[in-house]
Amino acid sequence: MSTPTWQTPEILAAAAGPQGPQVQAVFEKAADIGLDESQALRKASELHQKFVTDNTPVEVDYDALGLAAVKLAVSAAAAAGRQNPLDLVLGSWRNLSQAIATDLFLQMHRHTRPDSTPPSGDALEHAAAATATSFQMPVAHALIALAARDLIDADGFPQDAYDFLTTPWNWAFGAAHPDDDTGETVKSS
């Protein structure tokens, strides 16, 4: 069996430069996401969205801001020659997150409906995709931002975009990078 991309230091270094170890640490934490961690990420994401929309002088589309921040990070990483390895890392996260989501959905199903058979096939895939919404994007955003962290203020990647992408992770689990200011962390309840 081959080593997953996120456990290969050479690929992580190619994708994230000096932040390879931090990207791996986020993956390791994400690989252990359970129901409580998933709920903490969801709550942190919701609080971040509320904070951003409540503290902006004009009406903003939170999702559009996230997409713009992702584009800035990916463009900076591409300019630094990291696009292909970053794509590998993000593909690895998609695969891992699907497995995590399936496991979480099955755990929730066994807990809430112990006497019924869980769905399978397409129904399980759709249920797992819905489950993944609580954690998949905040983790992906943290990974993308970390991959370009050393490129802040270079190649068009501003600190504000980095902070936007990492805040939900930082609020849920603490700093994605040792030099990040996390503010308060949230609890899942």
C-alpha atoms as a PDB file:
ATOM      1  CA  MET A   1       0.000   0.000   0.000  1.00  0.00           C
ATOM      2  CA  SER A   2       1.387   3.402  -0.910  1.00  0.00           C
ATOM      3  CA  THR A   3       1.844   6.290   1.499  1.00  0.00           C
ATOM      4  CA  PRO A   4      -0.952   8.882   1.276  1.00  0.00           C
ATOM      5  CA  THR A   5       0.081  12.149  -0.368  1.00  0.00           C
ATOM      6  CA  TRP A   6      -0.457  14.076   2.872  1.00  0.00           C
ATOM      7  CA  GLN A   7       2.096  11.838   4.605  1.00  0.00           C
ATOM      8  CA  THR A   8       4.809  12.350   1.972  1.00  0.00           C
ATOM      9  CA  PRO A   9       7.172  15.137   3.130  1.00  0.00           C
ATOM     10  CA  GLU A  10       8.538  15.736  -0.382  1.00  0.00           C
ATOM     11  CA  ILE A  11       5.086  16.386  -1.820  1.00  0.00           C
ATOM     12  CA  LEU A  12       4.102  18.554   1.142  1.00  0.00           C
ATOM     13  CA  ALA A  13       7.286  20.616   0.763  1.00  0.00           C
ATOM     14  CA  ALA A  14       6.642  21.003  -2.959  1.00  0.00           C
ATOM     15  CA  ALA A  15       3.025  22.046  -2.298  1.00  0.00           C
ATOM     16  CA  ALA A  16       3.521  24.239   0.751  1.00  0.00           C
ATOM     17  CA  GLY A  17       7.156  25.243   0.879  1.00  0.00           C
ATOM     18  CA  PRO A  18       8.318  25.717   4.461  1.00  0.00           C
ATOM     19  CA  GLN A  19       4.787  25.097   5.770  1.00  0.00           C
ATOM     20  CA  GLY A  20       4.873  21.408   4.808  1.00  0.00           C
ATOM     21  CA  PRO A  21       4.975  20.313   8.481  1.00  0.00           C
ATOM     22  CA  GLN A  22       2.016  22.552   9.357  1.00  0.00           C
ATOM     23  CA  VAL A  23       0.014  21.209   6.402  1.00  0.00           C
ATOM     24  CA  GLN A  24       0.746  17.684   7.627  1.00  0.00           C
ATOM     25  CA  ALA A  25      -0.303  18.649  11.177  1.00  0.00           C
ATOM     26  CA  VAL A  26      -3.637  19.985   9.882  1.00  0.00           C
ATOM     27  CA  PHE A  27      -4.124  16.735   7.931  1.00  0.00           C
ATOM     28  CA  GLU A  28      -3.343  14.655  11.016  1.00  0.00           C
ATOM     29  CA  LYS A  29      -5.839  16.604  13.120  1.00  0.00           C
ATOM     30  CA  ALA A  30      -8.417  16.479  10.308  1.00  0.00           C
ATOM     31  CA  ALA A  31      -7.937  12.713   9.900  1.00  0.00           C
ATOM     32  CA  ASP A  32      -9.210  12.333  13.467  1.00  0.00           C
ATOM     33  CA  ILE A  33     -12.315  14.490  13.034  1.00  0.00           C
ATOM     34  CA  GLY A  34     -15.188  13.027  14.947  1.00  0.00           C
ATOM     35  CA  LEU A  35     -18.656  14.343  15.643  1.00  0.00           C
ATOM     36  CA  ASP A  36     -17.486  16.871  18.257  1.00  0.00           C
ATOM     37  CA  GLU A  37     -14.710  18.246  16.044  1.00  0.00           C
ATOM     38  CA  SER A  38     -17.029  18.419  13.064  1.00  0.00           C
ATOM     39  CA  GLN A  39     -19.542  20.395  15.114  1.00  0.00           C
ATOM     40  CA  ALA A  40     -16.788  22.697  16.442  1.00  0.00           C
ATOM     41  CA  LEU A  41     -15.686  23.471  12.877  1.00  0.00           C
ATOM     42  CA  ARG A  42     -19.260  24.107  11.816  1.00  0.00           C
ATOM     43  CA  LYS A  43     -19.809  26.449  14.753  1.00  0.00           C
ATOM     44  CA  ALA A  44     -16.511  28.264  14.114  1.00  0.00           C
ATOM     45  CA  SER A  45     -17.433  28.695  10.442  1.00  0.00           C
ATOM     46  CA  GLU A  46     -20.870  30.040  11.325  1.00  0.00           C
ATOM     47  CA  LEU A  47     -19.392  32.465  13.884  1.00  0.00           C
ATOM     48  CA  HIS A  48     -16.789  33.618  11.368  1.00  0.00           C
ATOM     49  CA  GLN A  49     -19.458  34.221   8.740  1.00  0.00           C
ATOM     50  CA  LYS A  50     -21.524  36.201  11.244  1.00  0.00           C
ATOM     51  CA  PHE A  51     -18.504  38.212  12.342  1.00  0.00           C
ATOM     52  CA  VAL A  52     -17.515  39.050   8.758  1.00  0.00           C
ATOM     53  CA  THR A  53     -21.009  39.979   7.605  1.00  0.00           C
ATOM     54  CA  ASP A  54     -21.806  41.966  10.780  1.00  0.00           C
ATOM     55  CA  ASN A  55     -18.558  43.944  10.676  1.00  0.00           C
ATOM     56  CA  THR A  56     -18.443  44.929   7.030  1.00  0.00           C
ATOM     57  CA  PRO A  57     -19.731  48.400   6.150  1.00  0.00           C
ATOM     58  CA  VAL A  58     -21.453  47.080   3.023  1.00  0.00           C
ATOM     59  CA  GLU A  59     -23.400  43.909   2.370  1.00  0.00           C
ATOM     60  CA  VAL A  60     -21.012  41.102   1.412  1.00  0.00           C
ATOM     61  CA  ASP A  61     -21.338  37.609   0.067  1.00  0.00           C
ATOM     62  CA  TYR A  62     -19.333  35.501   2.518  1.00  0.00           C
ATOM     63  CA  ASP A  63     -18.930  32.600   0.081  1.00  0.00           C
ATOM     64  CA  ALA A  64     -17.711  34.962  -2.651  1.00  0.00           C
ATOM     65  CA  LEU A  65     -15.132  36.387  -0.226  1.00  0.00           C
ATOM     66  CA  GLY A  66     -13.958  32.859   0.533  1.00  0.00           C
ATOM     67  CA  LEU A  67     -13.668  32.024  -3.146  1.00  0.00           C
ATOM     68  CA  ALA A  68     -11.702  35.225  -3.789  1.00  0.00           C
ATOM     69  CA  ALA A  69      -9.330  34.426  -0.909  1.00  0.00           C
ATOM     70  CA  VAL A  70      -8.833  30.885  -2.241  1.00  0.00           C
ATOM     71  CA  LYS A  71      -8.072  32.246  -5.719  1.00  0.00           C
ATOM     72  CA  LEU A  72      -5.471  34.627  -4.279  1.00  0.00           C
ATOM     73  CA  ALA A  73      -3.779  31.822  -2.337  1.00  0.00           C
ATOM     74  CA  VAL A  74      -3.834  29.394  -5.270  1.00  0.00           C
ATOM     75  CA  SER A  75      -2.528  32.067  -7.650  1.00  0.00           C
ATOM     76  CA  ALA A  76       0.353  32.840  -5.292  1.00  0.00           C
ATOM     77  CA  ALA A  77       1.126  29.129  -4.932  1.00  0.00           C
ATOM     78  CA  ALA A  78       0.989  28.685  -8.715  1.00  0.00           C
ATOM     79  CA  ALA A  79       3.333  31.645  -9.223  1.00  0.00           C
ATOM     80  CA  ALA A  80       5.739  29.918  -6.834  1.00  0.00           C
ATOM     81  CA  GLY A  81       5.555  26.691  -8.887  1.00  0.00           C
ATOM     82  CA  ARG A  82       3.408  24.798  -6.366  1.00  0.00           C
ATOM     83  CA  GLN A  83       0.193  24.251  -8.354  1.00  0.00           C
ATOM     84  CA  ASN A  84       0.614  20.573  -9.294  1.00  0.00           C
ATOM     85  CA  PRO A  85       1.723  19.354  -5.854  1.00  0.00           C
ATOM     86  CA  LEU A  86      -0.971  21.519  -4.229  1.00  0.00           C
ATOM     87  CA  ASP A  87      -3.553  19.843  -6.477  1.00  0.00           C
ATOM     88  CA  LEU A  88      -2.267  16.453  -5.260  1.00  0.00           C
ATOM     89  CA  VAL A  89      -2.566  17.525  -1.633  1.00  0.00           C
ATOM     90  CA  LEU A  90      -6.098  18.860  -2.139  1.00  0.00           C
ATOM     91  CA  GLY A  91      -7.077  15.671  -3.989  1.00  0.00           C
ATOM     92  CA  SER A  92      -5.772  13.704  -1.023  1.00  0.00           C
ATOM     93  CA  TRP A  93      -7.927  15.849   1.283  1.00  0.00           C
ATOM     94  CA  ARG A  94     -11.036  15.260  -0.871  1.00  0.00           C
ATOM     95  CA  ASN A  95     -10.485  11.493  -0.647  1.00  0.00           C
ATOM     96  CA  LEU A  96      -9.819  11.560   3.086  1.00  0.00           C
ATOM     97  CA  SER A  97     -12.764  13.867   3.792  1.00  0.00           C
ATOM     98  CA  GLN A  98     -15.139  11.563   1.904  1.00  0.00           C
ATOM     99  CA  ALA A  99     -14.005   8.625   4.027  1.00  0.00           C
ATOM    100  CA  ILE A 100     -14.360  10.695   7.221  1.00  0.00           C
ATOM    101  CA  ALA A 101     -17.829  11.903   6.197  1.00  0.00           C
ATOM    102  CA  THR A 102     -19.005   8.373   5.461  1.00  0.00           C
ATOM    103  CA  ASP A 103     -17.745   7.202   8.847  1.00  0.00           C
ATOM    104  CA  LEU A 104     -19.350  10.168  10.646  1.00  0.00           C
ATOM    105  CA  PHE A 105     -22.683   9.617   8.915  1.00  0.00           C
ATOM    106  CA  LEU A 106     -22.651   5.919   9.822  1.00  0.00           C
ATOM    107  CA  GLN A 107     -21.808   6.788  13.445  1.00  0.00           C
ATOM    108  CA  MET A 108     -24.707   9.264  13.576  1.00  0.00           C
ATOM    109  CA  HIS A 109     -27.025   6.733  11.952  1.00  0.00           C
ATOM    110  CA  ARG A 110     -26.105   3.990  14.440  1.00  0.00           C
ATOM    111  CA  HIS A 111     -26.585   6.444  17.312  1.00  0.00           C
ATOM    112  CA  THR A 112     -29.924   7.893  16.193  1.00  0.00           C
ATOM    113  CA  ARG A 113     -31.415   4.836  14.458  1.00  0.00           C
ATOM    114  CA  PRO A 114     -29.834   1.755  16.020  1.00  0.00           C
ATOM    115  CA  ASP A 115     -32.568  -0.582  14.783  1.00  0.00           C
ATOM    116  CA  SER A 116     -32.481   0.419  11.113  1.00  0.00           C
ATOM    117  CA  THR A 117     -30.125  -0.531   8.332  1.00  0.00           C
ATOM    118  CA  PRO A 118     -27.973   2.365   7.157  1.00  0.00           C
ATOM    119  CA  PRO A 119     -28.210   3.421   3.535  1.00  0.00           C
ATOM    120  CA  SER A 120     -25.730   2.124   1.017  1.00  0.00           C
ATOM    121  CA  GLY A 121     -24.593   2.970  -2.487  1.00  0.00           C
ATOM    122  CA  ASP A 122     -25.721   6.333  -3.862  1.00  0.00           C
ATOM    123  CA  ALA A 123     -27.872   7.091  -0.812  1.00  0.00           C
ATOM    124  CA  LEU A 124     -24.872   6.650   1.499  1.00  0.00           C
ATOM    125  CA  GLU A 125     -22.720   8.754  -0.817  1.00  0.00           C
ATOM    126  CA  HIS A 126     -25.271  11.599  -0.766  1.00  0.00           C
ATOM    127  CA  ALA A 127     -25.700  11.385   3.009  1.00  0.00           C
ATOM    128  CA  ALA A 128     -21.927  11.456   3.489  1.00  0.00           C
ATOM    129  CA  ALA A 129     -21.630  14.474   1.182  1.00  0.00           C
ATOM    130  CA  ALA A 130     -24.165  16.328   3.329  1.00  0.00           C
ATOM    131  CA  THR A 131     -22.232  15.348   6.453  1.00  0.00           C
ATOM    132  CA  ALA A 132     -18.984  16.646   4.944  1.00  0.00           C
ATOM    133  CA  THR A 133     -20.349  20.182   4.677  1.00  0.00           C
ATOM    134  CA  SER A 134     -19.553  20.785   8.346  1.00  0.00           C
ATOM    135  CA  PHE A 135     -15.818  20.296   7.958  1.00  0.00           C
ATOM    136  CA  GLN A 136     -14.648  19.816   4.364  1.00  0.00           C
ATOM    137  CA  MET A 137     -14.335  23.451   3.238  1.00  0.00           C
ATOM    138  CA  PRO A 138     -12.878  24.919   6.452  1.00  0.00           C
ATOM    139  CA  VAL A 139     -10.121  22.292   6.384  1.00  0.00           C
ATOM    140  CA  ALA A 140      -9.506  22.804   2.654  1.00  0.00           C
ATOM    141  CA  HIS A 141      -9.308  26.555   3.214  1.00  0.00           C
ATOM    142  CA  ALA A 142      -6.754  26.105   5.994  1.00  0.00           C
ATOM    143  CA  LEU A 143      -4.667  23.783   3.798  1.00  0.00           C
ATOM    144  CA  ILE A 144      -4.727  26.180   0.841  1.00  0.00           C
ATOM    145  CA  ALA A 145      -3.860  29.181   3.012  1.00  0.00           C
ATOM    146  CA  LEU A 146      -1.001  27.338   4.708  1.00  0.00           C
ATOM    147  CA  ALA A 147       0.397  26.311   1.327  1.00  0.00           C
ATOM    148  CA  ALA A 148       0.805  29.993   0.479  1.00  0.00           C
ATOM    149  CA  ARG A 149       1.603  31.358   3.944  1.00  0.00           C
ATOM    150  CA  ASP A 150       5.217  32.180   3.128  1.00  0.00           C
ATOM    151  CA  LEU A 151       3.959  34.066   0.059  1.00  0.00           C
ATOM    152  CA  ILE A 152       1.869  36.578   2.040  1.00  0.00           C
ATOM    153  CA  ASP A 153       2.412  40.070   0.656  1.00  0.00           C
ATOM    154  CA  ALA A 154       4.173  38.543  -2.326  1.00  0.00           C
ATOM    155  CA  ASP A 155       2.529  37.384  -5.519  1.00  0.00           C
ATOM    156  CA  GLY A 156      -0.752  39.103  -4.540  1.00  0.00           C
ATOM    157  CA  PHE A 157      -1.654  37.046  -1.447  1.00  0.00           C
ATOM    158  CA  PRO A 158      -2.599  39.465   1.367  1.00  0.00           C
ATOM    159  CA  GLN A 159      -2.599  38.724   5.098  1.00  0.00           C
ATOM    160  CA  ASP A 160      -6.361  39.398   5.216  1.00  0.00           C
ATOM    161  CA  ALA A 161      -7.005  36.571   2.737  1.00  0.00           C
ATOM    162  CA  TYR A 162      -4.841  34.195   4.778  1.00  0.00           C
ATOM    163  CA  ASP A 163      -6.658  35.174   7.980  1.00  0.00           C
ATOM    164  CA  PHE A 164     -10.068  34.758   6.313  1.00  0.00           C
ATOM    165  CA  LEU A 165      -9.199  31.217   5.210  1.00  0.00           C
ATOM    166  CA  THR A 166      -7.636  30.043   8.479  1.00  0.00           C
ATOM    167  CA  THR A 167      -9.939  31.648  11.052  1.00  0.00           C
ATOM    168  CA  PRO A 168     -12.539  28.841  11.278  1.00  0.00           C
ATOM    169  CA  TRP A 169      -9.767  26.254  11.764  1.00  0.00           C
ATOM    170  CA  ASN A 170      -7.965  28.474  14.256  1.00  0.00           C
ATOM    171  CA  TRP A 171     -11.160  29.098  16.244  1.00  0.00           C
ATOM    172  CA  ALA A 172     -12.065  25.405  16.315  1.00  0.00           C
ATOM    173  CA  PHE A 173      -8.658  23.827  16.972  1.00  0.00           C
ATOM    174  CA  GLY A 174      -6.095  26.518  17.662  1.00  0.00           C
ATOM    175  CA  ALA A 175      -3.386  27.845  15.399  1.00  0.00           C
ATOM    176  CA  ALA A 176      -2.926  26.240  11.983  1.00  0.00           C
ATOM    177  CA  HIS A 177       0.585  27.726  12.082  1.00  0.00           C
ATOM    178  CA  PRO A 178       2.554  28.462  15.271  1.00  0.00           C
ATOM    179  CA  ASP A 179       2.749  32.164  14.373  1.00  0.00           C
ATOM    180  CA  ASP A 180      -1.009  32.562  13.811  1.00  0.00           C
ATOM    181  CA  ASP A 181      -3.096  34.624  16.228  1.00  0.00           C
ATOM    182  CA  THR A 182      -6.075  32.408  16.962  1.00  0.00           C
ATOM    183  CA  GLY A 183      -8.233  34.494  19.237  1.00  0.00           C
ATOM    184  CA  GLU A 184     -10.721  32.400  21.182  1.00  0.00           C
ATOM    185  CA  THR A 185     -11.502  28.789  20.318  1.00  0.00           C
ATOM    186  CA  VAL A 186     -15.093  27.548  20.253  1.00  0.00           C
ATOM    187  CA  LYS A 187     -16.641  24.433  21.699  1.00  0.00           C
ATOM    188  CA  SER A 188     -18.873  22.098  19.727  1.00  0.00           C
ATOM    189  CA  SER A 189     -21.941  22.478  21.958  1.00  0.00           C
END
